[in-house]
Each structure stands twice: as C-alpha cells, then as structure tokens.
Protein backbone atom coordinates (compact mmCIF):
# COMPACT_ATOMS: atom_id res chain seq x y z
CA MET A 1 87.01 74.78 12.66
CA THR A 2 90.64 75.68 13.22
CA TYR A 3 93.40 73.43 14.48
CA ALA A 4 97.18 73.58 14.54
CA LEU A 5 99.57 71.12 12.96
CA LYS A 6 102.42 73.09 14.49
CA ARG A 7 102.40 75.72 17.23
CA ALA A 8 105.08 78.23 18.15
CA ALA A 9 107.21 77.04 21.05
CA GLN A 10 107.83 80.63 22.08
CA SER A 11 106.07 83.94 21.64
CA SER A 12 108.06 86.39 19.54
CA ALA A 13 107.00 89.00 22.08
CA ALA A 14 109.47 87.35 24.45
CA THR A 15 112.28 88.66 22.27
CA THR A 16 111.20 92.29 22.46
CA THR A 17 113.84 94.90 21.76
CA SER A 18 112.90 96.62 25.01
CA LEU A 19 114.37 94.07 27.41
CA PRO A 20 115.83 95.86 30.45
CA ASP A 21 119.48 95.11 29.64
CA VAL A 22 119.07 96.44 26.09
CA GLN A 23 117.26 99.52 27.37
CA GLU A 24 119.95 100.31 29.91
CA LYS A 25 122.88 99.84 27.55
CA VAL A 26 121.27 101.97 24.85
CA ALA A 27 120.29 104.70 27.31
CA ALA A 28 123.89 104.86 28.56
CA ILE A 29 125.27 105.27 25.03
CA ILE A 30 122.72 107.97 24.20
CA ALA A 31 123.62 109.88 27.36
CA ASP A 32 127.33 109.53 26.66
CA ILE A 33 127.11 110.82 23.09
CA ARG A 34 124.77 113.61 24.18
CA GLU A 35 127.40 114.75 26.66
CA ARG A 36 130.70 114.07 24.86
CA GLY A 37 129.81 114.09 21.17
CA ASP A 38 132.44 112.88 18.71
CA ALA A 39 134.78 111.57 21.41
CA ALA A 40 132.08 109.21 22.67
CA VAL A 41 131.14 108.14 19.14
CA ARG A 42 134.76 107.25 18.42
CA GLU A 43 135.10 105.22 21.62
CA HIS A 44 131.91 103.24 21.01
CA SER A 45 132.86 102.58 17.39
CA ALA A 46 136.25 101.28 18.47
CA ARG A 47 134.64 99.13 21.16
CA PHE A 48 131.86 97.57 19.11
CA ASP A 49 133.23 97.58 15.54
CA ARG A 50 136.98 97.96 16.09
CA TRP A 51 136.71 100.90 13.75
CA GLU A 52 138.37 104.23 14.51
CA PRO A 53 139.26 106.05 11.26
CA GLU A 54 140.46 109.62 11.04
CA SER A 55 136.99 110.56 9.77
CA PHE A 56 133.84 108.46 9.67
CA ARG A 57 132.54 110.41 6.69
CA LEU A 58 133.62 109.12 3.29
CA THR A 59 135.11 111.73 0.99
CA GLU A 60 134.19 112.09 -2.68
CA SER A 61 137.50 110.49 -3.68
CA GLN A 62 136.90 107.55 -1.35
CA ILE A 63 133.43 107.06 -2.83
CA ASP A 64 134.91 107.19 -6.34
CA GLU A 65 137.39 104.48 -5.34
CA VAL A 66 134.55 102.34 -3.98
CA MET A 67 132.54 102.75 -7.19
CA ALA A 68 135.54 101.68 -9.24
CA ARG A 69 135.88 98.48 -7.18
CA VAL A 70 132.27 97.34 -7.48
CA PRO A 71 131.67 94.92 -10.38
CA GLU A 72 129.71 96.31 -13.32
CA GLN A 73 126.96 93.71 -12.95
CA VAL A 74 126.42 94.68 -9.31
CA ILE A 75 126.15 98.35 -10.31
CA ALA A 76 123.71 97.47 -13.09
CA ASP A 77 121.55 95.45 -10.69
CA ILE A 78 121.55 98.24 -8.12
CA GLU A 79 120.51 100.73 -10.78
CA PHE A 80 117.71 98.44 -11.99
CA VAL A 81 116.29 97.98 -8.49
CA GLN A 82 116.57 101.67 -7.70
CA GLN A 83 114.70 102.49 -10.88
CA GLN A 84 111.84 100.28 -9.64
CA VAL A 85 111.82 101.81 -6.16
CA ARG A 86 112.09 105.37 -7.48
CA GLY A 87 109.34 104.86 -10.03
CA PHE A 88 106.87 103.54 -7.47
CA ALA A 89 107.80 106.22 -4.92
CA GLU A 90 107.23 108.94 -7.51
CA LYS A 91 103.80 107.51 -8.32
CA GLN A 92 102.98 107.49 -4.61
CA LEU A 93 104.01 111.14 -4.42
CA GLU A 94 101.76 111.99 -7.37
CA SER A 95 98.81 110.50 -5.45
CA MET A 96 99.22 113.05 -2.64
CA ARG A 97 97.14 116.05 -3.65
CA GLU A 98 97.59 119.55 -2.34
CA ILE A 99 94.18 121.19 -2.04
CA GLU A 100 92.56 124.55 -1.39
CA VAL A 101 88.82 124.95 -0.92
CA GLU A 102 86.50 127.88 -0.24
CA THR A 103 84.13 126.71 2.51
CA LEU A 104 82.32 130.06 2.98
CA PRO A 105 82.55 133.26 0.96
CA GLY A 106 86.18 134.35 1.28
CA VAL A 107 87.12 131.51 3.67
CA HIS A 108 89.99 129.57 2.11
CA LEU A 109 91.31 126.35 3.66
CA GLY A 110 94.34 124.60 2.22
CA GLN A 111 96.58 121.58 2.59
CA LYS A 112 100.15 121.21 1.41
CA HIS A 113 102.99 118.72 1.84
CA ILE A 114 106.41 119.88 3.05
CA PRO A 115 109.40 117.49 3.13
CA VAL A 116 111.38 117.30 6.35
CA SER A 117 114.59 119.32 6.11
CA ALA A 118 116.96 116.44 6.87
CA ALA A 119 116.64 112.68 7.17
CA GLY A 120 119.03 110.01 8.39
CA ALA A 121 119.14 106.49 6.97
CA TYR A 122 120.63 103.50 8.78
CA VAL A 123 121.70 100.69 6.45
CA PRO A 124 122.58 97.51 8.39
CA GLY A 125 125.84 95.67 7.81
CA GLY A 126 127.71 92.99 9.68
CA ARG A 127 126.92 89.44 8.64
CA TYR A 128 124.05 90.58 6.40
CA PRO A 129 124.84 93.87 4.62
CA LEU A 130 121.31 94.92 3.63
CA LEU A 131 122.22 97.22 0.78
CA ALA A 132 118.57 97.09 -0.36
CA SER A 133 117.78 99.22 2.69
CA ALA A 134 119.69 102.05 1.02
CA HIS A 135 117.15 102.06 -1.80
CA MET A 136 114.20 101.99 0.57
CA THR A 137 115.33 104.77 2.92
CA ILE A 138 117.62 107.15 1.03
CA LEU A 139 115.99 106.99 -2.36
CA THR A 140 112.46 107.27 -0.95
CA ALA A 141 113.46 110.34 1.05
CA LYS A 142 114.94 111.93 -2.06
CA ALA A 143 111.79 111.13 -4.05
CA ALA A 144 109.84 112.95 -1.35
CA GLY A 145 112.04 116.02 -1.85
CA VAL A 146 114.14 115.88 1.33
CA PRO A 147 117.04 118.28 0.63
CA ARG A 148 119.58 116.62 2.94
CA VAL A 149 119.77 112.86 3.43
CA ILE A 150 122.67 111.37 5.36
CA ALA A 151 123.36 107.67 5.71
CA CYS A 152 125.35 105.39 7.99
CA THR A 153 126.45 101.80 7.54
CA PRO A 154 128.96 99.83 9.62
CA PRO A 155 132.28 98.47 8.36
CA ILE A 156 132.43 94.72 7.80
CA ARG A 157 135.38 93.19 9.63
CA GLY A 158 137.25 96.45 9.34
CA GLU A 159 136.61 96.86 5.61
CA VAL A 160 134.49 99.22 3.56
CA PRO A 161 131.29 97.44 2.38
CA ASP A 162 131.70 98.47 -1.24
CA ALA A 163 128.32 97.33 -2.61
CA THR A 164 126.43 98.99 0.23
CA VAL A 165 128.30 102.27 -0.19
CA ALA A 166 127.64 102.13 -3.94
CA ALA A 167 123.93 101.67 -3.29
CA MET A 168 123.92 104.59 -0.84
CA HIS A 169 125.72 106.82 -3.32
CA LEU A 170 123.52 105.89 -6.27
CA ALA A 171 120.40 106.39 -4.14
CA GLY A 172 121.42 110.03 -3.66
CA ALA A 173 122.89 110.22 -0.14
CA ASP A 174 124.37 113.67 0.50
CA GLU A 175 126.69 112.40 3.23
CA ILE A 176 127.87 108.82 3.80
CA TYR A 177 129.38 107.72 7.11
CA LEU A 178 131.08 104.40 7.79
CA LEU A 179 129.61 104.11 11.25
CA GLY A 180 127.39 101.45 12.77
CA GLY A 181 125.18 100.53 15.69
CA VAL A 182 123.65 102.74 18.34
CA GLN A 183 126.45 105.27 17.94
CA ALA A 184 125.43 105.84 14.32
CA VAL A 185 121.75 106.30 15.10
CA VAL A 186 122.43 108.65 18.01
CA SER A 187 124.94 110.71 16.03
CA MET A 188 122.41 111.31 13.27
CA ALA A 189 119.62 112.06 15.71
CA LEU A 190 121.39 114.38 18.12
CA GLY A 191 124.29 115.63 16.04
CA THR A 192 127.91 115.97 17.11
CA GLU A 193 130.71 118.40 16.39
CA THR A 194 131.11 116.88 12.91
CA ILE A 195 127.58 115.62 12.09
CA GLU A 196 124.62 117.95 11.76
CA PRO A 197 121.46 116.44 13.29
CA VAL A 198 118.49 115.24 11.23
CA ASP A 199 114.74 115.55 11.76
CA MET A 200 113.84 111.94 11.06
CA LEU A 201 115.48 108.50 11.13
CA ALA A 202 114.64 105.47 9.01
CA GLY A 203 116.01 102.00 8.42
CA PRO A 204 116.14 98.57 10.05
CA GLY A 205 118.73 97.27 12.48
CA ASN A 206 119.39 94.90 15.36
CA ALA A 207 117.72 95.05 18.76
CA PHE A 208 120.05 97.82 19.95
CA VAL A 209 119.46 100.00 16.89
CA ALA A 210 115.70 99.51 17.20
CA GLU A 211 115.80 100.41 20.89
CA ALA A 212 117.87 103.53 20.19
CA LYS A 213 115.24 104.71 17.71
CA ARG A 214 112.52 103.96 20.24
CA GLN A 215 114.22 106.00 22.97
CA LEU A 216 114.93 108.91 20.63
CA TYR A 217 111.40 109.03 19.20
CA GLY A 218 109.72 112.33 20.02
CA GLU A 219 113.01 114.18 19.99
CA ILE A 220 113.13 113.16 16.33
CA GLY A 221 110.75 111.31 14.04
CA ILE A 222 111.27 107.68 13.07
CA ASP A 223 109.86 105.44 10.39
CA LEU A 224 108.56 102.55 12.54
CA PHE A 225 109.09 100.67 15.77
CA ALA A 226 110.89 97.61 14.44
CA GLY A 227 110.76 93.98 15.54
CA PRO A 228 111.79 90.64 14.03
CA THR A 229 110.87 90.00 10.40
CA GLU A 230 107.55 88.18 10.00
CA VAL A 231 105.97 86.13 7.21
CA LEU A 232 102.50 84.63 6.98
CA VAL A 233 101.31 82.51 4.06
CA VAL A 234 97.65 81.89 3.26
CA ALA A 235 97.35 78.84 0.98
CA ASP A 236 94.66 76.56 -0.38
CA GLU A 237 94.94 73.11 -1.93
CA SER A 238 96.13 74.63 -5.23
CA ALA A 239 99.40 75.83 -3.69
CA ASP A 240 102.72 74.06 -4.26
CA PRO A 241 103.89 72.88 -0.81
CA PHE A 242 107.53 73.03 -1.86
CA VAL A 243 107.18 76.68 -2.87
CA VAL A 244 105.40 77.44 0.40
CA ALA A 245 108.20 75.79 2.39
CA VAL A 246 110.90 77.69 0.51
CA ASP A 247 109.10 80.99 1.01
CA LEU A 248 108.62 80.45 4.74
CA LEU A 249 112.31 79.68 5.19
CA SER A 250 113.32 82.65 3.06
CA GLN A 251 112.10 84.94 5.84
CA ALA A 252 112.99 82.69 8.77
CA GLU A 253 116.65 83.19 7.87
CA HIS A 254 116.42 86.84 8.97
CA GLY A 255 116.86 85.80 12.58
CA PRO A 256 116.16 83.14 15.20
CA ASP A 257 113.12 85.09 16.43
CA SER A 258 111.41 85.57 13.04
CA PRO A 259 107.87 84.10 13.00
CA ALA A 260 106.93 82.01 9.94
CA VAL A 261 103.24 81.10 9.81
CA LEU A 262 101.14 79.06 7.39
CA ILE A 263 97.34 79.20 7.36
CA THR A 264 95.82 76.70 4.97
CA THR A 265 92.50 75.12 4.05
CA SER A 266 94.28 71.83 3.29
CA GLU A 267 95.65 69.56 6.00
CA ALA A 268 97.51 67.57 3.34
CA LEU A 269 99.27 70.69 2.13
CA GLY A 270 100.12 71.73 5.69
CA ARG A 271 101.73 68.37 6.46
CA ALA A 272 103.62 68.40 3.15
CA VAL A 273 104.98 71.88 3.91
CA ILE A 274 106.26 70.74 7.30
CA GLU A 275 108.00 67.78 5.67
CA HIS A 276 109.63 70.00 3.04
CA VAL A 277 110.82 72.50 5.65
CA GLU A 278 112.42 69.76 7.72
CA ALA A 279 114.11 68.37 4.60
CA LEU A 280 115.38 71.76 3.42
CA LEU A 281 116.72 73.08 6.72
CA PRO A 282 119.85 70.88 7.04
CA GLY A 283 121.24 72.19 3.75
CA MET A 284 120.52 75.90 4.31
CA PRO A 285 123.64 78.06 4.69
CA THR A 286 121.60 80.26 7.04
CA ARG A 287 120.35 77.32 9.09
CA ASP A 288 121.64 78.84 12.34
CA ASN A 289 118.90 81.48 12.04
CA ALA A 290 116.22 79.64 10.06
CA GLU A 291 116.17 76.49 12.19
CA PRO A 292 115.48 78.11 15.58
CA ALA A 293 113.07 80.53 13.93
CA TRP A 294 111.04 77.63 12.54
CA ARG A 295 111.42 75.50 15.66
CA ASP A 296 110.43 78.21 18.14
CA HIS A 297 108.20 80.54 16.09
CA GLY A 298 106.92 78.47 13.17
CA GLU A 299 103.20 77.73 13.01
CA VAL A 300 100.87 75.77 10.71
CA HIS A 301 97.11 76.19 11.09
CA VAL A 302 94.33 74.39 9.21
CA VAL A 303 91.03 76.23 8.73
CA ALA A 304 87.67 75.35 7.23
CA ASP A 305 87.68 77.83 4.34
CA LEU A 306 89.45 80.90 2.98
CA ASP A 307 87.15 83.35 4.76
CA GLU A 308 88.27 81.82 8.04
CA ALA A 309 91.87 81.93 6.80
CA TYR A 310 91.65 85.66 6.10
CA ARG A 311 90.04 86.35 9.48
CA LEU A 312 92.77 84.42 11.29
CA ALA A 313 95.49 86.11 9.22
CA ASP A 314 94.12 89.53 10.19
CA THR A 315 94.59 88.69 13.88
CA TYR A 316 98.32 88.29 13.25
CA ALA A 317 98.62 91.62 11.37
CA SER A 318 101.83 90.22 9.92
CA GLU A 319 104.55 92.26 8.28
CA HIS A 320 104.50 90.16 5.08
CA VAL A 321 101.45 88.21 3.92
CA GLN A 322 101.72 85.91 0.93
CA ILE A 323 98.53 84.68 -0.76
CA LEU A 324 99.00 81.37 -2.59
CA THR A 325 95.46 80.52 -3.64
CA GLU A 326 93.48 80.06 -6.84
CA GLN A 327 92.09 83.61 -6.59
CA PRO A 328 94.80 85.58 -4.76
CA ARG A 329 93.37 89.05 -5.48
CA GLU A 330 90.38 88.13 -3.32
CA ALA A 331 92.58 88.99 -0.33
CA LEU A 332 92.58 92.66 -1.37
CA ASP A 333 88.90 92.80 -0.40
CA LYS A 334 88.93 90.29 2.44
CA MET A 335 92.00 91.36 4.46
CA ARG A 336 92.70 94.53 6.45
CA ASN A 337 95.80 94.01 8.58
CA TYR A 338 99.17 93.51 6.89
CA GLY A 339 102.33 95.41 6.13
CA ALA A 340 102.52 94.24 2.51
CA LEU A 341 100.52 91.74 0.49
CA PHE A 342 102.14 89.40 -2.06
CA LEU A 343 99.59 87.93 -4.45
CA GLY A 344 100.06 84.62 -6.23
CA GLU A 345 102.95 82.26 -6.88
CA GLY A 346 104.53 84.66 -9.37
CA THR A 347 105.65 86.96 -6.59
CA CYS A 348 107.21 86.43 -3.17
CA VAL A 349 108.30 88.35 -0.12
CA SER A 350 111.91 88.24 -1.29
CA TYR A 351 110.92 90.30 -4.34
CA GLY A 352 109.58 92.96 -2.00
CA ASP A 353 112.73 92.79 0.11
CA LYS A 354 115.14 93.12 -2.78
CA VAL A 355 113.93 94.05 -6.26
CA ILE A 356 110.28 94.76 -7.08
CA GLY A 357 109.98 98.42 -6.06
CA THR A 358 107.66 98.57 -3.05
CA ASN A 359 109.26 99.54 0.25
CA HIS A 360 110.52 96.79 2.53
CA VAL A 361 110.50 98.83 5.75
CA LEU A 362 107.21 97.52 7.16
CA PRO A 363 105.31 97.28 10.47
CA THR A 364 105.91 94.30 12.77
CA ARG A 365 104.53 93.01 16.09
CA GLY A 366 100.93 93.72 15.14
CA ALA A 367 101.54 97.36 14.22
CA ALA A 368 99.93 96.68 10.83
CA ARG A 369 96.63 97.07 12.69
CA TYR A 370 97.18 100.83 12.73
CA THR A 371 99.93 101.78 10.28
CA GLY A 372 101.45 100.96 6.93
CA GLY A 373 105.13 100.87 6.07
CA LEU A 374 107.70 103.42 4.98
CA TRP A 375 106.77 105.47 1.91
CA VAL A 376 107.28 108.98 0.55
CA GLY A 377 104.48 110.25 2.77
CA LYS A 378 106.51 109.44 5.89
CA TYR A 379 109.04 112.09 4.88
CA LEU A 380 106.36 114.72 4.28
CA LYS A 381 104.61 116.94 6.79
CA THR A 382 101.02 117.45 5.70
CA VAL A 383 100.17 120.94 6.94
CA THR A 384 97.16 123.21 6.65
CA TYR A 385 96.65 126.93 6.15
CA GLN A 386 93.66 129.25 6.48
CA GLU A 387 92.76 132.66 5.09
CA VAL A 388 89.59 134.73 5.51
CA THR A 389 89.25 137.58 3.02
CA ASP A 390 85.51 138.33 3.27
CA PRO A 391 84.63 140.67 6.19
CA ALA A 392 81.13 139.28 6.57
CA SER A 393 82.43 135.74 6.89
CA SER A 394 85.01 136.85 9.44
CA ALA A 395 82.28 138.55 11.46
CA GLN A 396 80.11 135.41 11.32
CA LEU A 397 82.96 133.16 12.39
CA GLY A 398 83.88 135.62 15.14
CA GLU A 399 80.40 135.52 16.67
CA ILE A 400 80.28 131.73 16.62
CA CYS A 401 83.85 131.47 17.94
CA GLY A 402 82.94 133.72 20.87
CA ARG A 403 79.99 131.57 21.86
CA ALA A 404 81.81 128.26 21.31
CA ALA A 405 84.89 129.32 23.29
CA ARG A 406 82.84 130.55 26.26
CA VAL A 407 81.10 127.17 26.51
CA GLU A 408 84.60 125.78 27.08
CA LEU A 409 85.48 128.67 29.45
CA PHE A 410 88.20 130.01 27.13
CA GLU A 411 87.59 133.75 27.45
CA GLY A 412 90.76 134.73 25.61
CA HIS A 413 89.76 132.68 22.60
CA ALA A 414 86.30 134.19 22.71
CA ARG A 415 87.66 137.71 22.67
CA SER A 416 89.75 137.02 19.55
CA GLY A 417 86.46 136.15 17.87
CA ASP A 418 84.66 139.13 19.42
CA VAL A 419 87.19 141.59 17.99
CA ARG A 420 86.57 140.42 14.45
CA ALA A 421 82.81 140.24 14.94
CA ALA A 422 82.89 143.88 16.06
CA LYS A 423 85.39 145.13 13.48
CA HIS A 424 83.82 143.45 10.49
CA GLY A 425 80.20 143.34 11.68
CA ASP A 426 77.93 145.10 14.13
CA ALA A 427 78.82 143.21 17.32
CA GLU A 428 79.76 145.12 20.48
CA LEU A 429 82.67 144.52 22.83
CA PRO A 430 81.20 144.71 26.33
CA TRP A 431 84.40 143.43 27.91
CA VAL A 432 86.45 146.50 26.75
CA PRO A 433 86.98 149.13 29.52
CA ASP A 434 85.69 152.60 28.61
CA ALA A 435 89.20 154.02 28.72
CA LEU A 436 90.29 151.57 25.99
CA ALA A 437 87.14 151.79 23.90
CA ARG A 438 87.86 152.39 20.25
CA PRO A 439 86.72 155.77 18.89
C-alpha cells in the first residue's frame, strides 16, 4: 500500500543540463577556447563575469593579502572542517590495498594505485560561494597524492571571494585562478598559453559547467555527471515533523529544480510535514529557490511499513538519503541505492555538505544505482602488472595461450604464446619458415 500526499508537478529530468540551447552554447565556447586559447578565455570572462584582470592566476602576495583579510574565526572553521575531510580521506586511502600474488610457480600478478598527474577543481561562486567544495575536491586530491592540483573560482560582483580563496589555499591548491564558468572548466581541461592542462576535473557547478564537463569527458576524466541537488527522507512515526520539514527545505534551497522527497509510514507525520513546510517557506531568505523546488519537485509518499519505504527509496537512488526512524542503522542493510546515507536525527545532509568530513560531491539523477561519490579513489588509477619468472610456467601458459587465441582466430597472439612454449618447453614452431628456423 503506497499513496501520495503530494506529487511532483514536474519531473526533474525536464531540467536536464543537456538541453539543446545549453549544449550549443557550451560547445561553441569549447571550440573557441580550443582555437584561440587565452584570448577567448579573456573575452568570455569579460562577457559573463565582467572580469578581465591582467592575470587570472593569483600570486603568492595576493593570496597572502586575502588570508590577512579573512576573519580568524572563519579561518579556524575552515581548518576544522578540512581536518575532518582530510582525516576521512586518509582513512579511505588506507583501505585501498596494493597486492601481489603468485598464482602459479613464478607467475606474479600485482595491483597498485597511481595518482593522476594533475587535477583541476572547480569551486562555484556567484550568489552561493560554495567554499566547502574546495575541501571536497582539492583536499581529497591532495590526500590521494596528486602532485599538481589547480583550482578555479569566479569573482563575486567583481571582487575576490576571500573565504573561498582561503579555503582553496588551505586545502593545498598549487595554482589558484579567479576564473569562473565554462571558460574556467575548459581552460583547465584543454590548457591555454598560460594554464597547463589537467588529467581530471572535479567539482559542482551550474548547468553550463556541468554540460562542459559532460562534453569534455573522455578527453579528460571527471568526477561525476552532475544534476540538481536531491534529498530523500525516510521517516516513521517517531520522527519530528518539524525537523523533517527543515531538512527537506535545507536542500530545496539549492535550486528551483532540486527534488525533496519524504517517504513515511505515518500519514499523520506526512501531513504535519507539509504544514510545517508551507509555514516555513514565507520566511526563508532563499525562498526564491526553495519554494519552486518544493512546489514543482516536492513529494510525500505514505507506505505500509519500513521495508516498503526502503524499497521505494531505492527506486529513487537519491543523492542524499536521511533516515529518521527508531532504528536508523537498519537502512545500512536494507538499502542499496544512494549517494550518501545520513542516519538518525543527530545528523543531517547539511553536515555532509559543510562540516562532517565525508565528501559532498555525490551522484544525482539515479546515478547512485551504479556509482558512489567523489573520494580519494577517483583520483587514483588502479593498474595491474604481471611477471613470469619460472620457465616451466611460461611454457605452460604459452601452450594454453596458443590454443585459446586460435579459437578466437588471433594467430598473432597465438604465436606469441608459441614462442615461449618452444623456448621454455619442448613445443615446436611449425609456422616458422625453414630459412628462419632457430639453430
């Protein structure tokens, strides 16, 4: 038994970042920067951000001036949060084992993790300067061992966003550029006369930034294909409806297309949450985003029991899933599809976004069905190596390789096996002409 107290008026899929006009505009900027480099970057920055400095890269002295302007409490808070993010990222790195095994006598197979050589981080600005994204992208890359991490953030109304730059610097960015939008993403990806290209891009952004990353993917690596922020709350009758309402709106304020969904076993709680949301919205400073998000993409579903709630929640594969039930850790066993799980009233999605230490760059639009979010492993290439030191094992593998390759009609592959079977064993090489036969 499932029924809705509130349904979404629109599908968030209708607001995809790949709308034709967005695609075309982004493709034109990519082509322009690819052809004209710095000159094109400067023109697009002047056009979109009214920002055309002598150099987009901040010097050491400029960064020192920024650090001196940022209040001590802000610096202290940034350092606290970065300590949490760094600590968790380092523990994640420790969990990634490098291995070497001997599968046959003298046959050694290994796995190791190599950081990408250079990564680019985009830290959004504008109305909402997401300085927390500096922690999640730059610091995580550094924890993974990336030797060169560059970062871009846009100016805010022609001014340097001091707190964001401080966060980028403290996170360990090797180069900081005051540059925003598609032009920033493309500059990092392709390189220009003054910016060396990177191997991978990470960080959230608006529809144009997300589309630029999508179009550049393959030429470079990216963290995720990004969509609007999502939140889903699973609640039973024990939940506080006021807390649920506040938490839903906390994510709805990200944008007018951000889905906010409640799945509950209690119709009374569902109705109370709707009432609280409607009462809270008029006084929200970010009402212009939260109100249309709730109106058009808000949902409240009532289900028979928590097992049904978890099954329904898995169909959404939401970016953020909050569990407000009597036994929240039950969801760890019952759920499979989510970007991040927030267990119990003592935590909330906003903690994950800002302070707790897990990464806030997470899958959206159902991508949690097949991937997790950004973590140190995203910046590492897991590679393998092989070595055969025992002649008998090489001969055995060579014989089997010859037979297996010929089943697939790959004669060249077969002959590579044949050579070793003959050199290290007693196999013959019937395909070798007499004139080339080894003495």
